[in-house]
Amino acid sequence: MNRVALAGFALLSLWPSTARAYDWAVVAKVTAIEGTYMPVSVPFKVDTASGSCPAGTLLNWNIRGTDATQKAQNAEAILSILMTAKSSGQTVTIFGNNAGCTVDYIYLT
């Protein structure tokens, strides 16, 4: 019986799993949006500490896409989410990284 359990554990430990690309997740309110770096990145601030990034630290969304059109659309979408959250007082759920206070995912909640 022990051999069966050990074999099962060994098999499960080798099973591929989805890797998380982020270190932290928070629900927060947007307090500021920096538009200067558009369309390359969208830095913004929230009212909650985000991992090792204190509240009020600039968090950075780096624009993604395979070509200039997709990158521009991505920048507009993220800016729209952040502006909607800021102007309406809604929260956002953010998933990010301690290194560089970068953001991987943003959800309007």
PDB file of N, CA and C in Angstrom:
ATOM      1  N   MET A   1       0.815  -1.182   0.000  1.00  0.00           N
ATOM      2  CA  MET A   1       0.000   0.000   0.000  1.00  0.00           C
ATOM      3  C   MET A   1       0.865   1.254   0.000  1.00  0.00           C
ATOM      4  N   ASN A   2       1.953   1.255   0.754  1.00  0.00           N
ATOM      5  CA  ASN A   2       2.827   2.413   0.814  1.00  0.00           C
ATOM      6  C   ASN A   2       3.486   2.684  -0.532  1.00  0.00           C
ATOM      7  N   ARG A   3       3.813   1.631  -1.268  1.00  0.00           N
ATOM      8  CA  ARG A   3       4.433   1.808  -2.580  1.00  0.00           C
ATOM      9  C   ARG A   3       3.459   2.469  -3.550  1.00  0.00           C
ATOM     10  N   VAL A   4       2.209   2.107  -3.471  1.00  0.00           N
ATOM     11  CA  VAL A   4       1.190   2.700  -4.331  1.00  0.00           C
ATOM     12  C   VAL A   4       1.035   4.192  -4.013  1.00  0.00           C
ATOM     13  N   ALA A   5       0.988   4.530  -2.730  1.00  0.00           N
ATOM     14  CA  ALA A   5       0.862   5.934  -2.327  1.00  0.00           C
ATOM     15  C   ALA A   5       2.085   6.719  -2.759  1.00  0.00           C
ATOM     16  N   LEU A   6       3.276   6.165  -2.590  1.00  0.00           N
ATOM     17  CA  LEU A   6       4.508   6.840  -2.984  1.00  0.00           C
ATOM     18  C   LEU A   6       4.549   7.047  -4.496  1.00  0.00           C
ATOM     19  N   ALA A   7       4.146   6.036  -5.245  1.00  0.00           N
ATOM     20  CA  ALA A   7       4.116   6.159  -6.703  1.00  0.00           C
ATOM     21  C   ALA A   7       3.109   7.217  -7.141  1.00  0.00           C
ATOM     22  N   GLY A   8       1.957   7.264  -6.472  1.00  0.00           N
ATOM     23  CA  GLY A   8       0.956   8.279  -6.791  1.00  0.00           C
ATOM     24  C   GLY A   8       1.457   9.676  -6.500  1.00  0.00           C
ATOM     25  N   PHE A   9       2.117   9.837  -5.349  1.00  0.00           N
ATOM     26  CA  PHE A   9       2.675  11.144  -4.992  1.00  0.00           C
ATOM     27  C   PHE A   9       3.741  11.575  -5.998  1.00  0.00           C
ATOM     28  N   ALA A  10       4.618  10.648  -6.377  1.00  0.00           N
ATOM     29  CA  ALA A  10       5.673  10.954  -7.343  1.00  0.00           C
ATOM     30  C   ALA A  10       5.075  11.371  -8.680  1.00  0.00           C
ATOM     31  N   LEU A  11       4.036  10.674  -9.100  1.00  0.00           N
ATOM     32  CA  LEU A  11       3.380  10.993 -10.372  1.00  0.00           C
ATOM     33  C   LEU A  11       2.732  12.377 -10.313  1.00  0.00           C
ATOM     34  N   LEU A  12       2.042  12.684  -9.226  1.00  0.00           N
ATOM     35  CA  LEU A  12       1.400  13.992  -9.088  1.00  0.00           C
ATOM     36  C   LEU A  12       2.408  15.127  -9.001  1.00  0.00           C
ATOM     37  N   SER A  13       3.560  14.892  -8.381  1.00  0.00           N
ATOM     38  CA  SER A  13       4.556  15.956  -8.266  1.00  0.00           C
ATOM     39  C   SER A  13       5.191  16.283  -9.614  1.00  0.00           C
ATOM     40  N   LEU A  14       5.141  15.352 -10.556  1.00  0.00           N
ATOM     41  CA  LEU A  14       5.685  15.589 -11.891  1.00  0.00           C
ATOM     42  C   LEU A  14       4.647  16.124 -12.868  1.00  0.00           C
ATOM     43  N   TRP A  15       3.389  16.138 -12.458  1.00  0.00           N
ATOM     44  CA  TRP A  15       2.298  16.585 -13.316  1.00  0.00           C
ATOM     45  C   TRP A  15       2.463  18.079 -13.610  1.00  0.00           C
ATOM     46  N   PRO A  16       2.357  18.490 -14.866  1.00  0.00           N
ATOM     47  CA  PRO A  16       2.525  19.916 -15.174  1.00  0.00           C
ATOM     48  C   PRO A  16       1.394  20.754 -14.577  1.00  0.00           C
ATOM     49  N   SER A  17       1.743  21.913 -14.124  1.00  0.00           N
ATOM     50  CA  SER A  17       0.739  22.818 -13.570  1.00  0.00           C
ATOM     51  C   SER A  17       0.948  24.206 -14.151  1.00  0.00           C
ATOM     52  N   THR A  18      -0.080  25.018 -14.067  1.00  0.00           N
ATOM     53  CA  THR A  18       0.008  26.377 -14.574  1.00  0.00           C
ATOM     54  C   THR A  18       0.853  27.211 -13.624  1.00  0.00           C
ATOM     55  N   ALA A  19       1.872  27.861 -14.152  1.00  0.00           N
ATOM     56  CA  ALA A  19       2.734  28.703 -13.331  1.00  0.00           C
ATOM     57  C   ALA A  19       2.113  30.089 -13.202  1.00  0.00           C
ATOM     58  N   ARG A  20       2.179  30.619 -12.013  1.00  0.00           N
ATOM     59  CA  ARG A  20       1.698  31.981 -11.811  1.00  0.00           C
ATOM     60  C   ARG A  20       2.780  32.941 -12.277  1.00  0.00           C
ATOM     61  N   ALA A  21       2.371  33.968 -12.964  1.00  0.00           N
ATOM     62  CA  ALA A  21       3.316  34.966 -13.435  1.00  0.00           C
ATOM     63  C   ALA A  21       3.366  36.157 -12.489  1.00  0.00           C
ATOM     64  N   TYR A  22       2.675  36.095 -11.383  1.00  0.00           N
ATOM     65  CA  TYR A  22       2.594  37.241 -10.480  1.00  0.00           C
ATOM     66  C   TYR A  22       2.943  36.833  -9.050  1.00  0.00           C
ATOM     67  N   ASP A  23       3.347  37.854  -8.242  1.00  0.00           N
ATOM     68  CA  ASP A  23       3.720  37.628  -6.842  1.00  0.00           C
ATOM     69  C   ASP A  23       2.593  37.976  -5.878  1.00  0.00           C
ATOM     70  N   TRP A  24       1.711  38.882  -6.261  1.00  0.00           N
ATOM     71  CA  TRP A  24       0.679  39.368  -5.353  1.00  0.00           C
ATOM     72  C   TRP A  24      -0.597  39.687  -6.120  1.00  0.00           C
ATOM     73  N   ALA A  25      -1.671  39.782  -5.359  1.00  0.00           N
ATOM     74  CA  ALA A  25      -2.973  40.197  -5.901  1.00  0.00           C
ATOM     75  C   ALA A  25      -3.638  41.063  -4.841  1.00  0.00           C
ATOM     76  N   VAL A  26      -4.213  42.193  -5.268  1.00  0.00           N
ATOM     77  CA  VAL A  26      -4.906  43.093  -4.341  1.00  0.00           C
ATOM     78  C   VAL A  26      -6.164  43.643  -4.994  1.00  0.00           C
ATOM     79  N   VAL A  27      -7.091  44.049  -4.152  1.00  0.00           N
ATOM     80  CA  VAL A  27      -8.259  44.803  -4.592  1.00  0.00           C
ATOM     81  C   VAL A  27      -8.046  46.211  -4.046  1.00  0.00           C
ATOM     82  N   ALA A  28      -8.091  47.210  -4.930  1.00  0.00           N
ATOM     83  CA  ALA A  28      -7.750  48.569  -4.522  1.00  0.00           C
ATOM     84  C   ALA A  28      -8.511  49.592  -5.349  1.00  0.00           C
ATOM     85  N   LYS A  29      -8.443  50.844  -4.897  1.00  0.00           N
ATOM     86  CA  LYS A  29      -8.996  51.963  -5.657  1.00  0.00           C
ATOM     87  C   LYS A  29      -7.858  52.715  -6.331  1.00  0.00           C
ATOM     88  N   VAL A  30      -8.072  53.110  -7.574  1.00  0.00           N
ATOM     89  CA  VAL A  30      -7.083  53.867  -8.340  1.00  0.00           C
ATOM     90  C   VAL A  30      -7.086  55.300  -7.822  1.00  0.00           C
ATOM     91  N   THR A  31      -5.895  55.816  -7.483  1.00  0.00           N
ATOM     92  CA  THR A  31      -5.796  57.184  -6.967  1.00  0.00           C
ATOM     93  C   THR A  31      -5.158  58.146  -7.958  1.00  0.00           C
ATOM     94  N   ALA A  32      -4.374  57.633  -8.913  1.00  0.00           N
ATOM     95  CA  ALA A  32      -3.730  58.496  -9.912  1.00  0.00           C
ATOM     96  C   ALA A  32      -3.357  57.665 -11.129  1.00  0.00           C
ATOM     97  N   ILE A  33      -3.351  58.318 -12.288  1.00  0.00           N
ATOM     98  CA  ILE A  33      -2.957  57.665 -13.545  1.00  0.00           C
ATOM     99  C   ILE A  33      -1.968  58.588 -14.236  1.00  0.00           C
ATOM    100  N   GLU A  34      -0.829  58.059 -14.632  1.00  0.00           N
ATOM    101  CA  GLU A  34       0.208  58.831 -15.326  1.00  0.00           C
ATOM    102  C   GLU A  34       0.093  58.565 -16.818  1.00  0.00           C
ATOM    103  N   GLY A  35      -0.241  59.564 -17.606  1.00  0.00           N
ATOM    104  CA  GLY A  35      -0.443  59.374 -19.039  1.00  0.00           C
ATOM    105  C   GLY A  35       0.759  59.673 -19.903  1.00  0.00           C
ATOM    106  N   THR A  36       1.847  60.145 -19.307  1.00  0.00           N
ATOM    107  CA  THR A  36       3.009  60.594 -20.064  1.00  0.00           C
ATOM    108  C   THR A  36       3.656  59.502 -20.904  1.00  0.00           C
ATOM    109  N   TYR A  37       3.628  58.281 -20.424  1.00  0.00           N
ATOM    110  CA  TYR A  37       4.360  57.215 -21.091  1.00  0.00           C
ATOM    111  C   TYR A  37       3.531  56.431 -22.096  1.00  0.00           C
ATOM    112  N   MET A  38       2.285  56.829 -22.308  1.00  0.00           N
ATOM    113  CA  MET A  38       1.439  56.183 -23.308  1.00  0.00           C
ATOM    114  C   MET A  38       2.088  56.354 -24.673  1.00  0.00           C
ATOM    115  N   PRO A  39       2.037  55.410 -25.553  1.00  0.00           N
ATOM    116  CA  PRO A  39       1.410  54.101 -25.449  1.00  0.00           C
ATOM    117  C   PRO A  39       2.370  52.986 -25.050  1.00  0.00           C
ATOM    118  N   VAL A  40       3.534  53.321 -24.472  1.00  0.00           N
ATOM    119  CA  VAL A  40       4.505  52.302 -24.088  1.00  0.00           C
ATOM    120  C   VAL A  40       4.129  51.639 -22.771  1.00  0.00           C
ATOM    121  N   SER A  41       3.684  52.432 -21.801  1.00  0.00           N
ATOM    122  CA  SER A  41       3.276  51.899 -20.504  1.00  0.00           C
ATOM    123  C   SER A  41       2.239  52.829 -19.888  1.00  0.00           C
ATOM    124  N   VAL A  42       1.528  52.301 -18.884  1.00  0.00           N
ATOM    125  CA  VAL A  42       0.530  53.085 -18.172  1.00  0.00           C
ATOM    126  C   VAL A  42       0.813  52.963 -16.669  1.00  0.00           C
ATOM    127  N   PRO A  43       1.612  53.883 -16.118  1.00  0.00           N
ATOM    128  CA  PRO A  43       1.838  53.861 -14.678  1.00  0.00           C
ATOM    129  C   PRO A  43       0.613  54.420 -13.945  1.00  0.00           C
ATOM    130  N   PHE A  44       0.319  53.855 -12.770  1.00  0.00           N
ATOM    131  CA  PHE A  44      -0.814  54.331 -11.980  1.00  0.00           C
ATOM    132  C   PHE A  44      -0.564  54.032 -10.514  1.00  0.00           C
ATOM    133  N   LYS A  45      -1.346  54.666  -9.643  1.00  0.00           N
ATOM    134  CA  LYS A  45      -1.226  54.464  -8.202  1.00  0.00           C
ATOM    135  C   LYS A  45      -2.548  53.952  -7.653  1.00  0.00           C
ATOM    136  N   VAL A  46      -2.452  53.166  -6.580  1.00  0.00           N
ATOM    137  CA  VAL A  46      -3.632  52.673  -5.881  1.00  0.00           C
ATOM    138  C   VAL A  46      -3.490  52.968  -4.385  1.00  0.00           C
ATOM    139  N   ASP A  47      -4.598  52.849  -3.672  1.00  0.00           N
ATOM    140  CA  ASP A  47      -4.636  53.201  -2.258  1.00  0.00           C
ATOM    141  C   ASP A  47      -4.234  52.076  -1.316  1.00  0.00           C
ATOM    142  N   THR A  48      -3.759  50.961  -1.844  1.00  0.00           N
ATOM    143  CA  THR A  48      -3.444  49.781  -1.048  1.00  0.00           C
ATOM    144  C   THR A  48      -2.026  49.314  -1.362  1.00  0.00           C
ATOM    145  N   ALA A  49      -1.321  48.832  -0.354  1.00  0.00           N
ATOM    146  CA  ALA A  49      -0.013  48.232  -0.604  1.00  0.00           C
ATOM    147  C   ALA A  49      -0.200  47.025  -1.526  1.00  0.00           C
ATOM    148  N   SER A  50       0.720  46.885  -2.450  1.00  0.00           N
ATOM    149  CA  SER A  50       0.645  45.808  -3.444  1.00  0.00           C
ATOM    150  C   SER A  50       1.924  44.992  -3.349  1.00  0.00           C
ATOM    151  N   GLY A  51       1.868  43.908  -2.624  1.00  0.00           N
ATOM    152  CA  GLY A  51       3.078  43.130  -2.373  1.00  0.00           C
ATOM    153  C   GLY A  51       4.056  43.985  -1.594  1.00  0.00           C
ATOM    154  N   SER A  52       5.291  44.099  -2.091  1.00  0.00           N
ATOM    155  CA  SER A  52       6.292  44.929  -1.424  1.00  0.00           C
ATOM    156  C   SER A  52       6.237  46.384  -1.884  1.00  0.00           C
ATOM    157  N   CYS A  53       5.282  46.726  -2.726  1.00  0.00           N
ATOM    158  CA  CYS A  53       5.121  48.087  -3.245  1.00  0.00           C
ATOM    159  C   CYS A  53       4.123  48.829  -2.345  1.00  0.00           C
ATOM    160  N   PRO A  54       4.581  49.832  -1.580  1.00  0.00           N
ATOM    161  CA  PRO A  54       3.675  50.532  -0.657  1.00  0.00           C
ATOM    162  C   PRO A  54       2.526  51.227  -1.388  1.00  0.00           C
ATOM    163  N   ALA A  55       1.453  51.493  -0.668  1.00  0.00           N
ATOM    164  CA  ALA A  55       0.328  52.266  -1.233  1.00  0.00           C
ATOM    165  C   ALA A  55       0.880  53.585  -1.753  1.00  0.00           C
ATOM    166  N   GLY A  56       0.422  54.002  -2.912  1.00  0.00           N
ATOM    167  CA  GLY A  56       0.883  55.253  -3.505  1.00  0.00           C
ATOM    168  C   GLY A  56       2.093  55.110  -4.405  1.00  0.00           C
ATOM    169  N   THR A  57       2.679  53.921  -4.462  1.00  0.00           N
ATOM    170  CA  THR A  57       3.800  53.669  -5.368  1.00  0.00           C
ATOM    171  C   THR A  57       3.266  53.571  -6.797  1.00  0.00           C
ATOM    172  N   LEU A  58       4.039  54.068  -7.767  1.00  0.00           N
ATOM    173  CA  LEU A  58       3.628  53.895  -9.161  1.00  0.00           C
ATOM    174  C   LEU A  58       3.734  52.418  -9.538  1.00  0.00           C
ATOM    175  N   LEU A  59       2.616  51.845  -9.918  1.00  0.00           N
ATOM    176  CA  LEU A  59       2.577  50.498 -10.476  1.00  0.00           C
ATOM    177  C   LEU A  59       2.626  50.663 -11.988  1.00  0.00           C
ATOM    178  N   ASN A  60       3.261  49.757 -12.686  1.00  0.00           N
ATOM    179  CA  ASN A  60       3.466  49.952 -14.113  1.00  0.00           C
ATOM    180  C   ASN A  60       2.865  48.825 -14.940  1.00  0.00           C
ATOM    181  N   TRP A  61       1.930  49.189 -15.803  1.00  0.00           N
ATOM    182  CA  TRP A  61       1.380  48.254 -16.784  1.00  0.00           C
ATOM    183  C   TRP A  61       2.172  48.460 -18.064  1.00  0.00           C
ATOM    184  N   ASN A  62       2.943  47.436 -18.487  1.00  0.00           N
ATOM    185  CA  ASN A  62       3.683  47.496 -19.741  1.00  0.00           C
ATOM    186  C   ASN A  62       2.789  46.979 -20.852  1.00  0.00           C
ATOM    187  N   ILE A  63       2.630  47.769 -21.882  1.00  0.00           N
ATOM    188  CA  ILE A  63       1.721  47.455 -22.974  1.00  0.00           C
ATOM    189  C   ILE A  63       2.165  46.184 -23.686  1.00  0.00           C
ATOM    190  N   ARG A  64       1.179  45.373 -24.057  1.00  0.00           N
ATOM    191  CA  ARG A  64       1.444  44.109 -24.737  1.00  0.00           C
ATOM    192  C   ARG A  64       0.772  44.106 -26.108  1.00  0.00           C
ATOM    193  N   GLY A  65       1.303  43.279 -26.994  1.00  0.00           N
ATOM    194  CA  GLY A  65       0.736  43.122 -28.327  1.00  0.00           C
ATOM    195  C   GLY A  65       1.804  42.722 -29.309  1.00  0.00           C
ATOM    196  N   THR A  66       1.380  42.153 -30.427  1.00  0.00           N
ATOM    197  CA  THR A  66       2.348  41.673 -31.417  1.00  0.00           C
ATOM    198  C   THR A  66       2.713  42.717 -32.458  1.00  0.00           C
ATOM    199  N   ASP A  67       1.892  43.752 -32.587  1.00  0.00           N
ATOM    200  CA  ASP A  67       2.204  44.812 -33.545  1.00  0.00           C
ATOM    201  C   ASP A  67       1.725  46.149 -32.981  1.00  0.00           C
ATOM    202  N   ALA A  68       2.007  47.211 -33.688  1.00  0.00           N
ATOM    203  CA  ALA A  68       1.679  48.552 -33.199  1.00  0.00           C
ATOM    204  C   ALA A  68       0.175  48.739 -32.972  1.00  0.00           C
ATOM    205  N   THR A  69      -0.637  48.169 -33.830  1.00  0.00           N
ATOM    206  CA  THR A  69      -2.091  48.302 -33.688  1.00  0.00           C
ATOM    207  C   THR A  69      -2.577  47.622 -32.411  1.00  0.00           C
ATOM    208  N   GLN A  70      -2.131  46.398 -32.172  1.00  0.00           N
ATOM    209  CA  GLN A  70      -2.539  45.685 -30.957  1.00  0.00           C
ATOM    210  C   GLN A  70      -2.028  46.381 -29.701  1.00  0.00           C
ATOM    211  N   LYS A  71      -0.812  46.912 -29.743  1.00  0.00           N
ATOM    212  CA  LYS A  71      -0.264  47.617 -28.589  1.00  0.00           C
ATOM    213  C   LYS A  71      -1.070  48.881 -28.293  1.00  0.00           C
ATOM    214  N   ALA A  72      -1.449  49.619 -29.334  1.00  0.00           N
ATOM    215  CA  ALA A  72      -2.262  50.821 -29.135  1.00  0.00           C
ATOM    216  C   ALA A  72      -3.630  50.466 -28.557  1.00  0.00           C
ATOM    217  N   GLN A  73      -4.246  49.393 -29.054  1.00  0.00           N
ATOM    218  CA  GLN A  73      -5.541  48.956 -28.529  1.00  0.00           C
ATOM    219  C   GLN A  73      -5.424  48.502 -27.076  1.00  0.00           C
ATOM    220  N   ASN A  74      -4.340  47.815 -26.744  1.00  0.00           N
ATOM    221  CA  ASN A  74      -4.110  47.370 -25.374  1.00  0.00           C
ATOM    222  C   ASN A  74      -3.936  48.575 -24.449  1.00  0.00           C
ATOM    223  N   ALA A  75      -3.160  49.554 -24.875  1.00  0.00           N
ATOM    224  CA  ALA A  75      -2.950  50.761 -24.073  1.00  0.00           C
ATOM    225  C   ALA A  75      -4.270  51.484 -23.828  1.00  0.00           C
ATOM    226  N   GLU A  76      -5.085  51.618 -24.861  1.00  0.00           N
ATOM    227  CA  GLU A  76      -6.387  52.283 -24.727  1.00  0.00           C
ATOM    228  C   GLU A  76      -7.315  51.523 -23.787  1.00  0.00           C
ATOM    229  N   ALA A  77      -7.314  50.197 -23.875  1.00  0.00           N
ATOM    230  CA  ALA A  77      -8.187  49.384 -23.019  1.00  0.00           C
ATOM    231  C   ALA A  77      -7.788  49.520 -21.549  1.00  0.00           C
ATOM    232  N   ILE A  78      -6.505  49.425 -21.255  1.00  0.00           N
ATOM    233  CA  ILE A  78      -6.045  49.532 -19.867  1.00  0.00           C
ATOM    234  C   ILE A  78      -6.287  50.941 -19.342  1.00  0.00           C
ATOM    235  N   LEU A  79      -5.990  51.948 -20.138  1.00  0.00           N
ATOM    236  CA  LEU A  79      -6.256  53.323 -19.713  1.00  0.00           C
ATOM    237  C   LEU A  79      -7.738  53.524 -19.445  1.00  0.00           C
ATOM    238  N   SER A  80      -8.585  52.945 -20.271  1.00  0.00           N
ATOM    239  CA  SER A  80     -10.035  53.049 -20.085  1.00  0.00           C
ATOM    240  C   SER A  80     -10.482  52.401 -18.775  1.00  0.00           C
ATOM    241  N   ILE A  81      -9.959  51.218 -18.478  1.00  0.00           N
ATOM    242  CA  ILE A  81     -10.293  50.540 -17.222  1.00  0.00           C
ATOM    243  C   ILE A  81      -9.881  51.400 -16.035  1.00  0.00           C
ATOM    244  N   LEU A  82      -8.652  51.904 -16.063  1.00  0.00           N
ATOM    245  CA  LEU A  82      -8.146  52.699 -14.947  1.00  0.00           C
ATOM    246  C   LEU A  82      -8.928  54.001 -14.781  1.00  0.00           C
ATOM    247  N   MET A  83      -9.239  54.667 -15.889  1.00  0.00           N
ATOM    248  CA  MET A  83      -9.997  55.926 -15.816  1.00  0.00           C
ATOM    249  C   MET A  83     -11.419  55.683 -15.317  1.00  0.00           C
ATOM    250  N   THR A  84     -12.034  54.597 -15.748  1.00  0.00           N
ATOM    251  CA  THR A  84     -13.377  54.248 -15.276  1.00  0.00           C
ATOM    252  C   THR A  84     -13.363  53.998 -13.777  1.00  0.00           C
ATOM    253  N   ALA A  85     -12.388  53.223 -13.321  1.00  0.00           N
ATOM    254  CA  ALA A  85     -12.277  52.937 -11.887  1.00  0.00           C
ATOM    255  C   ALA A  85     -12.044  54.215 -11.089  1.00  0.00           C
ATOM    256  N   LYS A  86     -11.174  55.079 -11.574  1.00  0.00           N
ATOM    257  CA  LYS A  86     -10.860  56.326 -10.853  1.00  0.00           C
ATOM    258  C   LYS A  86     -12.069  57.238 -10.797  1.00  0.00           C
ATOM    259  N   SER A  87     -12.729  57.449 -11.925  1.00  0.00           N
ATOM    260  CA  SER A  87     -13.830  58.411 -11.969  1.00  0.00           C
ATOM    261  C   SER A  87     -15.099  57.913 -11.277  1.00  0.00           C
ATOM    262  N   SER A  88     -15.287  56.586 -11.233  1.00  0.00           N
ATOM    263  CA  SER A  88     -16.507  56.038 -10.629  1.00  0.00           C
ATOM    264  C   SER A  88     -16.311  55.564  -9.191  1.00  0.00           C
ATOM    265  N   GLY A  89     -15.057  55.506  -8.740  1.00  0.00           N
ATOM    266  CA  GLY A  89     -14.792  55.018  -7.391  1.00  0.00           C
ATOM    267  C   GLY A  89     -14.842  53.508  -7.269  1.00  0.00           C
ATOM    268  N   GLN A  90     -14.924  52.799  -8.396  1.00  0.00           N
ATOM    269  CA  GLN A  90     -14.929  51.333  -8.360  1.00  0.00           C
ATOM    270  C   GLN A  90     -13.535  50.813  -8.045  1.00  0.00           C
ATOM    271  N   THR A  91     -13.474  49.586  -7.570  1.00  0.00           N
ATOM    272  CA  THR A  91     -12.179  48.975  -7.293  1.00  0.00           C
ATOM    273  C   THR A  91     -11.685  48.209  -8.510  1.00  0.00           C
ATOM    274  N   VAL A  92     -10.380  47.955  -8.494  1.00  0.00           N
ATOM    275  CA  VAL A  92      -9.757  47.090  -9.484  1.00  0.00           C
ATOM    276  C   VAL A  92      -9.070  45.962  -8.727  1.00  0.00           C
ATOM    277  N   THR A  93      -9.031  44.801  -9.340  1.00  0.00           N
ATOM    278  CA  THR A  93      -8.248  43.695  -8.814  1.00  0.00           C
ATOM    279  C   THR A  93      -7.005  43.620  -9.673  1.00  0.00           C
ATOM    280  N   ILE A  94      -5.856  43.676  -9.013  1.00  0.00           N
ATOM    281  CA  ILE A  94      -4.580  43.767  -9.717  1.00  0.00           C
ATOM    282  C   ILE A  94      -3.707  42.592  -9.310  1.00  0.00           C
ATOM    283  N   PHE A  95      -3.065  41.977 -10.283  1.00  0.00           N
ATOM    284  CA  PHE A  95      -2.100  40.912 -10.057  1.00  0.00           C
ATOM    285  C   PHE A  95      -0.760  41.427 -10.561  1.00  0.00           C
ATOM    286  N   GLY A  96       0.270  41.409  -9.712  1.00  0.00           N
ATOM    287  CA  GLY A  96       1.538  42.002 -10.132  1.00  0.00           C
ATOM    288  C   GLY A  96       2.758  41.365  -9.516  1.00  0.00           C
ATOM    289  N   ASN A  97       3.883  42.037  -9.724  1.00  0.00           N
ATOM    290  CA  ASN A  97       5.193  41.537  -9.317  1.00  0.00           C
ATOM    291  C   ASN A  97       5.893  42.531  -8.405  1.00  0.00           C
ATOM    292  N   ASN A  98       6.574  42.023  -7.395  1.00  0.00           N
ATOM    293  CA  ASN A  98       7.335  42.864  -6.487  1.00  0.00           C
ATOM    294  C   ASN A  98       8.494  43.549  -7.208  1.00  0.00           C
ATOM    295  N   ALA A  99       9.165  42.835  -8.084  1.00  0.00           N
ATOM    296  CA  ALA A  99      10.294  43.396  -8.818  1.00  0.00           C
ATOM    297  C   ALA A  99       9.796  44.456  -9.795  1.00  0.00           C
ATOM    298  N   GLY A 100      10.107  45.696  -9.524  1.00  0.00           N
ATOM    299  CA  GLY A 100       9.719  46.784 -10.412  1.00  0.00           C
ATOM    300  C   GLY A 100       8.284  47.233 -10.266  1.00  0.00           C
ATOM    301  N   CYS A 101       7.534  46.651  -9.354  1.00  0.00           N
ATOM    302  CA  CYS A 101       6.118  46.998  -9.152  1.00  0.00           C
ATOM    303  C   CYS A 101       5.357  46.972 -10.475  1.00  0.00           C
ATOM    304  N   THR A 102       5.547  45.906 -11.227  1.00  0.00           N
ATOM    305  CA  THR A 102       4.869  45.760 -12.514  1.00  0.00           C
ATOM    306  C   THR A 102       3.575  44.981 -12.346  1.00  0.00           C
ATOM    307  N   VAL A 103       2.644  45.187 -13.266  1.00  0.00           N
ATOM    308  CA  VAL A 103       1.320  44.578 -13.204  1.00  0.00           C
ATOM    309  C   VAL A 103       1.132  43.643 -14.378  1.00  0.00           C
ATOM    310  N   ASP A 104       0.585  42.442 -14.083  1.00  0.00           N
ATOM    311  CA  ASP A 104       0.318  41.450 -15.124  1.00  0.00           C
ATOM    312  C   ASP A 104      -1.136  41.459 -15.588  1.00  0.00           C
ATOM    313  N   TYR A 105      -2.080  41.627 -14.624  1.00  0.00           N
ATOM    314  CA  TYR A 105      -3.500  41.577 -14.952  1.00  0.00           C
ATOM    315  C   TYR A 105      -4.238  42.647 -14.169  1.00  0.00           C
ATOM    316  N   ILE A 106      -5.240  43.253 -14.816  1.00  0.00           N
ATOM    317  CA  ILE A 106      -6.086  44.255 -14.169  1.00  0.00           C
ATOM    318  C   ILE A 106      -7.550  43.911 -14.480  1.00  0.00           C
ATOM    319  N   TYR A 107      -8.362  43.831 -13.434  1.00  0.00           N
ATOM    320  CA  TYR A 107      -9.791  43.580 -13.572  1.00  0.00           C
ATOM    321  C   TYR A 107     -10.568  44.724 -12.935  1.00  0.00           C
ATOM    322  N   LEU A 108     -11.548  45.262 -13.624  1.00  0.00           N
ATOM    323  CA  LEU A 108     -12.461  46.231 -13.035  1.00  0.00           C
ATOM    324  C   LEU A 108     -13.477  45.436 -12.237  1.00  0.00           C
ATOM    325  N   THR A 109     -13.548  45.686 -10.910  1.00  0.00           N
ATOM    326  CA  THR A 109     -14.405  44.854 -10.050  1.00  0.00           C
ATOM    327  C   THR A 109     -15.520  45.652  -9.433  1.00  0.00           C
TER     328      THR A 109
END
